[in-house]
Amino acid sequence: MSLLRNPPETHFADTGEGFVAYQTFGQGRDLLFFTDINSNVEVMWEYPAVAQYFDRLSSFTRVTYFDSRGTGVSDPIPYDVISIDNWMDDGRAVMDAAGIERAALLGDVEGGPTAMLFAATYPDRVSALVLTNAFARWTRAEDYAFGMPAATLDNLMIWLKQNVGKPGFFDVVLPSYADDDATKKWLAHFQRTAVPPGVFEMAFNWYSQVDLRPILASIKVPTLIITRRDATYHRPEHGEYLAEHIPDAKLVELPGADTSPYFLADPEPVLDEIEEFLTGVRARPVSDRTLATVMFTDIVDSTGHAVRLGDERWLNLLGDHNRLTRDYLHRYRGIERDTSGDGFLATFDGPTRAVTCAAELQRTMPDLGIQIRAGLHTGEVELTGDDIGGLAVHIAARVIDAEPGSGVMVSSTVKDLVVGSGIEFEDRGSHRLKGVPDEWHLYAVSGLP
């Protein structure tokens, strides 16, 4: 079962100076996650990408994830006491509260320096260290030429203060999402629940001054360092430096420029490397066939809407459409498989829920000033990792093509499976579906019970 629908319970660890919120879930060797300051253990489960990330991570580790004090649902702290010592204390208190004697550490972005110092300070409690988009020093020095120049840092601080909690903030660390307005709006919402602007400013000032280079040689645990080849913010040179100065560290450079947050920046290659490093085994994609009801949706006359509204208003409308669709998918236990342009591909474990979801979406979308069409078919689908395929997917894609306007079209298979549900259908006759053998009888949904 996806963690999104059954999120872990939140507990609190007493540091003696405040309480730290944490969650523990999964199976395997213990892994303590030092994330960046954009963290909220409660709100993060609202987003499917989080659940997918942690479903995979918790399949081979027992994850303990926490909000450092001053962030998320942990206790606030005075701005002038933000320090690496405090954040290390938070991690140690969480380990004690969760009954963890020894764990691997995963340090992401600003969590990287804390995880490194923790590994050097408490080697008896650390079995391994994984660093993603991490750094020992952020700013430039005579012997650290790829750090950020002082003038650039000052300008960046001004820009970040103006944009923290806003969608544009993520253009810096997620350049491939520059045109994904809906995702950036959710991330801005998440950031606002994670860290107050004052804490963000103090934390930025802290990590822009930190310099852990003198302690790198003291890290004696097995270490994996992962960077992104084309990143311009969390530059790969930072990881290369760490690999050169942490004894026997392994460096992996992956393609791409997106770096943060961890659950969006093409996580599967990162998780592959972490799994192999911690377990000695790299999981291969497993092909699995299962029965599912496949649903395709798209917006009727989307091109016309885009022309009439203009780019900005169209993107805002598309974001509203996406959020509403995801709300209904969650309500009817649908799983989002792909989003392309103005359409969704989703699967359901029950045809009645699938038809009801599609019909409710078709009924509700006019409130936004748009209409949608949907096509559904039930059959065996092939699941390979996060990918979905098989003839049932192809048939559903052709079923939606048979609906020229607004409406919900289903195959005869779906209609037969929902007998007794009270859902009403209108016979649309037999159709030849492009690329699909034989003729298929199709029906339009005409009423819900």
Protein backbone atom coordinates (compact mmCIF):
# COMPACT_ATOMS: atom_id res chain seq x y z
CA MET A 1 0.00 0.00 0.00
CA SER A 2 1.32 3.46 -0.90
CA LEU A 3 2.57 5.51 1.99
CA LEU A 4 0.61 8.43 0.53
CA ARG A 5 -2.64 6.82 1.69
CA ASN A 6 -1.26 5.55 4.95
CA PRO A 7 1.35 8.08 6.15
CA PRO A 8 3.52 7.15 9.12
CA GLU A 9 2.74 8.38 12.61
CA THR A 10 4.64 11.45 13.76
CA HIS A 11 6.55 11.20 17.05
CA PHE A 12 8.52 13.80 19.00
CA ALA A 13 12.04 13.51 20.41
CA ASP A 14 13.02 15.66 23.40
CA THR A 15 16.39 17.36 22.88
CA GLY A 16 16.29 19.02 26.28
CA GLU A 17 15.90 22.37 24.54
CA GLY A 18 12.87 21.61 22.39
CA PHE A 19 11.03 18.82 20.60
CA VAL A 20 11.87 17.38 17.19
CA ALA A 21 9.20 15.78 15.00
CA TYR A 22 10.15 12.52 13.31
CA GLN A 23 8.69 9.50 11.53
CA THR A 24 10.06 5.97 11.18
CA PHE A 25 8.94 3.59 8.43
CA GLY A 26 10.20 0.82 6.14
CA GLN A 27 12.33 -2.26 6.58
CA GLY A 28 16.02 -3.07 6.44
CA ARG A 29 19.06 -1.38 7.94
CA ASP A 30 18.43 1.91 9.72
CA LEU A 31 18.81 5.12 7.71
CA LEU A 32 18.67 8.57 9.34
CA PHE A 33 17.72 11.28 6.83
CA PHE A 34 19.29 14.74 7.31
CA THR A 35 17.32 16.81 4.81
CA ASP A 36 17.49 20.51 3.98
CA ILE A 37 15.51 23.19 5.77
CA ASN A 38 12.50 22.79 3.46
CA SER A 39 10.92 20.01 5.51
CA ASN A 40 7.54 19.23 7.04
CA VAL A 41 6.93 15.59 7.99
CA GLU A 42 3.16 16.08 7.88
CA VAL A 43 2.57 18.17 4.75
CA MET A 44 5.07 16.36 2.53
CA TRP A 45 2.74 13.34 2.26
CA GLU A 46 0.23 15.45 0.35
CA TYR A 47 2.38 15.10 -2.77
CA PRO A 48 2.49 11.79 -4.71
CA ALA A 49 6.17 12.17 -5.62
CA VAL A 50 7.08 12.07 -1.92
CA ALA A 51 5.24 8.80 -1.40
CA GLN A 52 6.86 7.28 -4.48
CA TYR A 53 10.32 8.34 -3.29
CA PHE A 54 9.87 6.97 0.21
CA ASP A 55 8.10 3.82 -0.98
CA ARG A 56 11.28 2.95 -2.84
CA LEU A 57 13.71 4.12 -0.15
CA SER A 58 11.83 2.27 2.59
CA SER A 59 11.79 -0.95 0.56
CA PHE A 60 15.45 -1.52 1.43
CA THR A 61 15.99 0.66 4.53
CA ARG A 62 14.17 1.53 7.75
CA VAL A 63 13.93 5.28 7.28
CA THR A 64 13.83 7.80 10.11
CA TYR A 65 13.02 11.25 8.78
CA PHE A 66 12.82 14.37 10.94
CA ASP A 67 12.26 18.13 10.87
CA SER A 68 15.17 19.97 12.43
CA ARG A 69 14.18 22.45 15.11
CA GLY A 70 12.94 25.64 13.54
CA THR A 71 11.41 23.81 10.58
CA GLY A 72 8.21 21.90 9.87
CA VAL A 73 6.29 20.78 12.94
CA SER A 74 9.30 20.71 15.25
CA ASP A 75 9.67 23.34 17.95
CA PRO A 76 10.75 26.82 16.84
CA ILE A 77 14.13 28.10 17.94
CA PRO A 78 15.55 31.62 18.30
CA TYR A 79 17.15 32.77 15.08
CA ASP A 80 20.46 33.41 16.76
CA VAL A 81 20.95 29.80 17.87
CA ILE A 82 20.83 28.17 14.44
CA SER A 83 23.97 26.07 14.30
CA ILE A 84 25.33 22.78 13.08
CA ASP A 85 25.68 21.67 16.71
CA ASN A 86 21.95 22.09 17.30
CA TRP A 87 21.05 20.16 14.17
CA MET A 88 23.44 17.36 15.12
CA ASP A 89 21.79 17.25 18.54
CA ASP A 90 18.43 16.91 16.82
CA GLY A 91 19.63 13.87 14.90
CA ARG A 92 21.11 12.25 17.98
CA ALA A 93 17.92 12.86 20.00
CA VAL A 94 15.84 11.28 17.25
CA MET A 95 18.08 8.21 17.14
CA ASP A 96 17.76 7.81 20.90
CA ALA A 97 13.98 8.28 20.86
CA ALA A 98 13.56 5.80 18.02
CA GLY A 99 15.82 3.23 19.71
CA ILE A 100 18.46 3.36 16.94
CA GLU A 101 21.95 2.47 18.08
CA ARG A 102 23.63 2.73 14.68
CA ALA A 103 22.42 3.97 11.30
CA ALA A 104 23.49 4.96 7.84
CA LEU A 105 23.12 8.70 7.25
CA LEU A 106 21.64 10.37 4.19
CA GLY A 107 22.58 14.05 3.97
CA ASP A 108 20.85 16.09 1.29
CA VAL A 109 21.84 19.67 0.40
CA GLU A 110 22.12 21.63 3.70
CA GLY A 111 21.70 18.33 5.53
CA GLY A 112 25.01 17.22 4.04
CA PRO A 113 27.33 19.26 6.30
CA THR A 114 25.41 18.16 9.40
CA ALA A 115 25.57 14.51 8.34
CA MET A 116 29.31 14.78 7.66
CA LEU A 117 30.11 16.30 11.04
CA PHE A 118 27.85 13.75 12.75
CA ALA A 119 29.69 10.89 11.02
CA ALA A 120 33.07 12.26 12.08
CA THR A 121 31.94 13.00 15.65
CA TYR A 122 29.97 9.82 16.36
CA PRO A 123 31.59 7.10 14.23
CA ASP A 124 30.31 4.38 16.57
CA ARG A 125 26.74 5.37 15.70
CA VAL A 126 27.20 5.64 11.93
CA SER A 127 27.48 2.65 9.60
CA ALA A 128 27.69 4.54 6.29
CA LEU A 129 27.28 8.02 4.83
CA VAL A 130 25.42 9.05 1.67
CA LEU A 131 25.67 12.64 0.44
CA THR A 132 23.52 14.13 -2.34
CA ASN A 133 24.12 17.67 -3.66
CA ALA A 134 26.26 18.30 -0.60
CA PHE A 135 29.23 20.59 0.03
CA ALA A 136 31.98 21.18 2.57
CA ARG A 137 32.09 24.91 1.85
CA TRP A 138 29.68 27.10 -0.14
CA THR A 139 31.65 30.28 -0.81
CA ARG A 140 34.76 30.91 -2.90
CA ALA A 141 38.24 31.01 -1.41
CA GLU A 142 41.77 31.11 -2.85
CA ASP A 143 41.96 27.33 -2.51
CA TYR A 144 38.28 26.75 -3.35
CA ALA A 145 37.82 28.34 -6.75
CA PHE A 146 34.38 26.88 -7.60
CA GLY A 147 32.66 28.31 -4.51
CA MET A 148 30.23 31.19 -4.92
CA PRO A 149 31.84 34.66 -5.15
CA ALA A 150 30.92 37.12 -2.41
CA ALA A 151 29.14 39.54 -4.76
CA THR A 152 27.07 36.73 -6.28
CA LEU A 153 26.20 35.51 -2.80
CA ASP A 154 24.94 38.95 -1.77
CA ASN A 155 22.76 39.26 -4.87
CA LEU A 156 21.48 35.72 -4.42
CA MET A 157 20.49 36.42 -0.82
CA ILE A 158 18.45 39.43 -1.93
CA TRP A 159 16.75 37.36 -4.63
CA LEU A 160 16.05 34.44 -2.29
CA LYS A 161 14.53 36.70 0.36
CA GLN A 162 12.21 38.14 -2.26
CA ASN A 163 11.18 34.75 -3.60
CA VAL A 164 11.11 32.37 -0.63
CA GLY A 165 7.67 30.80 -0.44
CA LYS A 166 6.94 31.70 -4.07
CA PRO A 167 6.90 29.43 -7.16
CA GLY A 168 9.83 31.23 -8.81
CA PHE A 169 12.14 30.19 -5.95
CA PHE A 170 12.46 26.73 -7.48
CA ASP A 171 13.64 27.90 -10.89
CA VAL A 172 17.16 27.95 -9.43
CA VAL A 173 17.30 24.35 -8.23
CA LEU A 174 14.78 22.74 -10.62
CA PRO A 175 15.48 24.33 -14.02
CA SER A 176 13.65 21.59 -15.94
CA TYR A 177 10.45 22.51 -14.04
CA ALA A 178 10.60 26.16 -15.12
CA ASP A 179 7.36 25.83 -17.11
CA ASP A 180 5.58 23.50 -14.66
CA ASP A 181 3.51 26.10 -12.88
CA ALA A 182 1.35 23.62 -10.94
CA THR A 183 4.32 21.79 -9.42
CA LYS A 184 6.07 25.00 -8.43
CA LYS A 185 2.92 26.32 -6.78
CA TRP A 186 2.70 23.22 -4.60
CA LEU A 187 6.41 23.44 -3.75
CA ALA A 188 5.94 27.07 -2.71
CA HIS A 189 3.06 26.00 -0.47
CA PHE A 190 5.24 23.25 0.99
CA GLN A 191 8.10 25.68 1.62
CA ARG A 192 5.77 28.09 3.44
CA THR A 193 4.75 25.29 5.80
CA ALA A 194 8.35 24.17 6.26
CA VAL A 195 10.39 27.21 7.16
CA PRO A 196 9.54 30.81 8.18
CA PRO A 197 11.32 33.49 6.11
CA GLY A 198 13.42 34.59 9.07
CA VAL A 199 14.66 31.06 9.74
CA PHE A 200 15.37 30.62 6.04
CA GLU A 201 17.51 33.75 5.98
CA MET A 202 19.46 32.73 9.07
CA ALA A 203 19.95 29.20 7.77
CA PHE A 204 21.20 30.52 4.44
CA ASN A 205 23.65 32.80 6.25
CA TRP A 206 24.78 29.80 8.29
CA TYR A 207 25.48 27.43 5.44
CA SER A 208 27.04 30.14 3.29
CA GLN A 209 29.68 30.55 6.01
CA VAL A 210 30.25 26.92 7.01
CA ASP A 211 33.58 25.31 6.15
CA LEU A 212 33.98 21.61 6.97
CA ARG A 213 37.09 21.00 4.93
CA PRO A 214 39.31 20.51 8.00
CA ILE A 215 37.23 17.56 9.27
CA LEU A 216 36.75 15.61 6.02
CA ALA A 217 39.76 13.35 6.64
CA SER A 218 38.19 12.34 9.97
CA ILE A 219 35.22 10.70 8.27
CA LYS A 220 36.09 6.99 8.44
CA VAL A 221 32.79 5.36 7.45
CA PRO A 222 32.02 4.12 3.91
CA THR A 223 30.83 7.15 1.97
CA LEU A 224 28.87 7.61 -1.27
CA ILE A 225 28.68 11.03 -2.94
CA ILE A 226 26.11 11.73 -5.68
CA THR A 227 26.12 14.84 -7.86
CA ARG A 228 24.37 16.12 -10.99
CA ARG A 229 26.59 16.74 -13.99
CA ASP A 230 24.90 19.92 -15.25
CA ALA A 231 23.81 21.49 -11.96
CA THR A 232 24.60 25.19 -11.74
CA TYR A 233 23.45 25.75 -8.14
CA HIS A 234 24.59 22.63 -6.27
CA ARG A 235 27.60 22.35 -8.56
CA PRO A 236 29.22 18.94 -9.14
CA GLU A 237 32.64 20.33 -8.20
CA HIS A 238 31.50 20.40 -4.57
CA GLY A 239 30.97 16.65 -4.69
CA GLU A 240 34.26 16.07 -6.48
CA TYR A 241 36.07 17.92 -3.70
CA LEU A 242 34.36 15.80 -1.05
CA ALA A 243 35.32 12.61 -2.88
CA GLU A 244 38.94 13.70 -3.04
CA HIS A 245 39.17 14.50 0.68
CA ILE A 246 36.96 11.91 2.41
CA PRO A 247 38.98 8.69 2.67
CA ASP A 248 37.90 6.01 0.14
CA ALA A 249 34.72 7.88 -0.78
CA LYS A 250 32.87 6.79 -3.91
CA LEU A 251 31.71 9.50 -6.32
CA VAL A 252 28.79 9.02 -8.73
CA GLU A 253 27.97 11.76 -11.22
CA LEU A 254 24.49 11.49 -12.75
CA PRO A 255 23.08 13.41 -15.72
CA GLY A 256 20.75 16.33 -15.19
CA ALA A 257 20.66 19.78 -13.61
CA ASP A 258 17.78 19.44 -11.10
CA THR A 259 18.98 19.00 -7.53
CA SER A 260 16.36 19.89 -4.94
CA PRO A 261 13.97 18.83 -3.50
CA TYR A 262 15.11 15.22 -3.35
CA PHE A 263 11.78 13.70 -4.41
CA LEU A 264 11.52 15.53 -7.76
CA ALA A 265 15.04 15.59 -9.15
CA ASP A 266 14.81 12.35 -11.18
CA PRO A 267 15.10 10.23 -8.01
CA GLU A 268 15.23 6.69 -9.41
CA PRO A 269 18.92 6.77 -10.53
CA VAL A 270 19.82 8.26 -7.14
CA LEU A 271 17.87 5.56 -5.30
CA ASP A 272 19.48 2.86 -7.47
CA GLU A 273 22.94 4.04 -6.37
CA ILE A 274 21.92 4.30 -2.70
CA GLU A 275 20.37 0.83 -2.69
CA GLU A 276 23.43 -0.77 -4.25
CA PHE A 277 25.78 1.09 -1.88
CA LEU A 278 23.86 0.12 1.27
CA THR A 279 22.76 -3.41 0.35
CA GLY A 280 25.24 -4.55 -2.28
CA VAL A 281 22.38 -5.20 -4.70
CA ARG A 282 20.98 -2.92 -7.39
CA ALA A 283 17.29 -3.53 -7.89
CA ARG A 284 16.36 -4.34 -11.46
CA PRO A 285 13.04 -3.13 -12.86
CA VAL A 286 10.50 -5.84 -12.19
CA SER A 287 7.82 -6.36 -14.78
CA ASP A 288 4.52 -7.24 -13.18
CA ARG A 289 1.13 -7.80 -14.77
CA THR A 290 -2.02 -6.91 -12.93
CA LEU A 291 -5.67 -6.22 -13.67
CA ALA A 292 -6.55 -2.53 -13.60
CA THR A 293 -8.99 -0.03 -15.01
CA VAL A 294 -7.08 2.47 -17.13
CA MET A 295 -8.35 6.04 -17.51
CA PHE A 296 -7.20 8.70 -19.97
CA THR A 297 -8.47 12.29 -19.71
CA ASP A 298 -7.87 15.48 -21.63
CA ILE A 299 -9.33 18.97 -21.93
CA VAL A 300 -11.73 19.58 -24.81
CA ASP A 301 -10.42 22.29 -27.18
CA SER A 302 -7.32 22.91 -25.09
CA THR A 303 -5.58 24.71 -27.96
CA GLY A 304 -8.49 27.10 -28.32
CA HIS A 305 -8.46 27.84 -24.60
CA ALA A 306 -4.73 28.53 -24.68
CA VAL A 307 -5.09 30.95 -27.61
CA ARG A 308 -8.02 32.80 -26.04
CA LEU A 309 -6.55 33.06 -22.56
CA GLY A 310 -2.89 33.66 -23.27
CA ASP A 311 0.04 31.82 -21.73
CA GLU A 312 -0.19 33.04 -18.12
CA ARG A 313 -3.94 32.59 -17.65
CA TRP A 314 -3.85 29.24 -19.46
CA LEU A 315 -1.07 27.94 -17.22
CA ASN A 316 -3.00 29.05 -14.13
CA LEU A 317 -6.11 27.30 -15.42
CA LEU A 318 -4.10 24.18 -16.22
CA GLY A 319 -2.73 24.19 -12.68
CA ASP A 320 -6.27 24.36 -11.26
CA HIS A 321 -7.28 21.49 -13.56
CA ASN A 322 -4.34 19.38 -12.39
CA ARG A 323 -5.03 19.96 -8.71
CA LEU A 324 -8.72 19.13 -9.10
CA THR A 325 -7.90 15.97 -11.04
CA ARG A 326 -5.43 14.84 -8.39
CA ASP A 327 -7.97 15.52 -5.64
CA TYR A 328 -10.48 13.22 -7.32
CA LEU A 329 -7.85 10.57 -8.06
CA HIS A 330 -7.00 10.52 -4.36
CA ARG A 331 -10.68 10.38 -3.40
CA TYR A 332 -11.37 7.36 -5.63
CA ARG A 333 -8.04 5.55 -5.04
CA GLY A 334 -6.68 6.27 -8.48
CA ILE A 335 -2.95 6.22 -9.15
CA GLU A 336 -1.52 8.92 -11.39
CA ARG A 337 0.74 7.24 -13.93
CA ASP A 338 1.56 10.10 -16.29
CA THR A 339 0.68 13.70 -16.98
CA SER A 340 1.27 15.10 -20.43
CA GLY A 341 0.10 18.55 -21.48
CA ASP A 342 -3.55 18.78 -20.53
CA GLY A 343 -4.24 15.10 -19.89
CA PHE A 344 -3.83 12.41 -17.26
CA LEU A 345 -3.20 8.68 -17.40
CA ALA A 346 -4.34 6.90 -14.24
CA THR A 347 -5.16 3.39 -13.05
CA PHE A 348 -7.73 2.15 -10.55
CA ASP A 349 -8.10 -1.11 -8.65
CA GLY A 350 -11.88 -1.07 -9.20
CA PRO A 351 -13.87 -0.17 -12.34
CA THR A 352 -16.77 1.40 -10.44
CA ARG A 353 -14.45 3.86 -8.70
CA ALA A 354 -12.76 4.61 -12.02
CA VAL A 355 -16.02 5.38 -13.83
CA THR A 356 -17.31 7.44 -10.92
CA CYS A 357 -14.07 9.43 -10.75
CA ALA A 358 -14.16 10.16 -14.49
CA ALA A 359 -17.84 11.16 -14.40
CA GLU A 360 -17.35 13.41 -11.37
CA LEU A 361 -14.41 15.11 -13.08
CA GLN A 362 -16.47 15.59 -16.23
CA ARG A 363 -19.29 17.08 -14.13
CA THR A 364 -17.04 19.38 -12.06
CA MET A 365 -14.62 20.79 -14.64
CA PRO A 366 -17.17 23.27 -16.09
CA ASP A 367 -16.86 25.12 -12.76
CA LEU A 368 -13.37 26.04 -13.99
CA GLY A 369 -14.71 27.05 -17.40
CA ILE A 370 -13.48 23.94 -19.21
CA GLN A 371 -14.79 20.57 -20.26
CA ILE A 372 -12.98 17.24 -20.34
CA ARG A 373 -13.40 13.90 -22.00
CA ALA A 374 -12.32 10.54 -20.62
CA GLY A 375 -11.81 7.03 -21.92
CA LEU A 376 -11.69 3.85 -19.80
CA HIS A 377 -10.92 0.19 -20.30
CA THR A 378 -10.27 -2.67 -17.87
CA GLY A 379 -7.60 -5.25 -18.63
CA GLU A 380 -4.15 -6.51 -17.74
CA VAL A 381 -1.47 -3.85 -17.55
CA GLU A 382 2.26 -4.31 -17.36
CA LEU A 383 4.04 -2.41 -14.59
CA THR A 384 7.79 -1.88 -14.90
CA GLY A 385 8.98 0.39 -12.13
CA ASP A 386 6.84 3.53 -12.50
CA ASP A 387 6.07 2.81 -16.16
CA ILE A 388 2.82 1.28 -17.36
CA GLY A 389 2.13 -0.48 -20.63
CA GLY A 390 0.24 -3.26 -22.33
CA LEU A 391 -2.74 -3.63 -24.64
CA ALA A 392 -5.20 -2.35 -22.02
CA VAL A 393 -3.43 1.02 -21.98
CA HIS A 394 -3.49 1.18 -25.76
CA ILE A 395 -7.21 0.35 -25.86
CA ALA A 396 -8.09 3.01 -23.28
CA ALA A 397 -6.17 5.57 -25.34
CA ARG A 398 -8.28 4.66 -28.39
CA VAL A 399 -11.54 4.66 -26.41
CA ILE A 400 -11.04 8.31 -25.48
CA ASP A 401 -10.42 9.12 -29.16
CA ALA A 402 -13.93 7.83 -29.91
CA GLU A 403 -15.43 10.61 -27.74
CA PRO A 404 -15.28 13.78 -29.89
CA GLY A 405 -16.65 16.14 -27.25
CA SER A 406 -17.14 16.32 -23.51
CA GLY A 407 -18.07 12.98 -21.97
CA VAL A 408 -16.91 9.69 -20.50
CA MET A 409 -16.58 6.76 -22.90
CA VAL A 410 -15.97 3.20 -21.71
CA SER A 411 -15.39 -0.17 -23.31
CA SER A 412 -17.96 -2.95 -23.03
CA THR A 413 -15.59 -4.66 -20.57
CA VAL A 414 -15.97 -1.78 -18.13
CA LYS A 415 -19.74 -1.62 -18.58
CA ASP A 416 -20.11 -5.34 -17.88
CA LEU A 417 -17.95 -5.15 -14.76
CA VAL A 418 -20.00 -2.39 -13.11
CA VAL A 419 -23.34 -4.15 -13.44
CA GLY A 420 -25.40 -3.51 -10.31
CA SER A 421 -23.57 -0.27 -9.46
CA GLY A 422 -26.44 1.93 -10.66
CA ILE A 423 -24.26 3.70 -13.24
CA GLU A 424 -26.20 4.38 -16.44
CA PHE A 425 -24.83 4.12 -19.97
CA GLU A 426 -25.79 5.15 -23.48
CA ASP A 427 -24.97 2.68 -26.27
CA ARG A 428 -22.53 4.21 -28.77
CA GLY A 429 -22.27 1.16 -31.03
CA SER A 430 -19.32 -0.80 -32.39
CA HIS A 431 -16.05 0.87 -33.31
CA ARG A 432 -12.82 -0.03 -35.01
CA LEU A 433 -10.05 1.17 -32.70
CA LYS A 434 -6.83 2.15 -34.45
CA GLY A 435 -4.12 -0.45 -33.89
CA VAL A 436 -6.46 -2.73 -31.88
CA PRO A 437 -7.79 -6.00 -33.33
CA ASP A 438 -11.53 -6.66 -33.78
CA GLU A 439 -14.44 -4.31 -33.20
CA TRP A 440 -15.19 -2.88 -29.76
CA HIS A 441 -18.58 -1.93 -28.38
CA LEU A 442 -18.42 1.41 -26.60
CA TYR A 443 -20.75 3.15 -24.14
CA ALA A 444 -21.02 6.71 -22.83
CA VAL A 445 -21.72 7.29 -19.15
CA SER A 446 -25.11 8.99 -18.90
CA GLY A 447 -25.75 8.98 -15.16
CA LEU A 448 -24.45 8.12 -11.70
CA PRO A 449 -26.56 6.58 -8.93
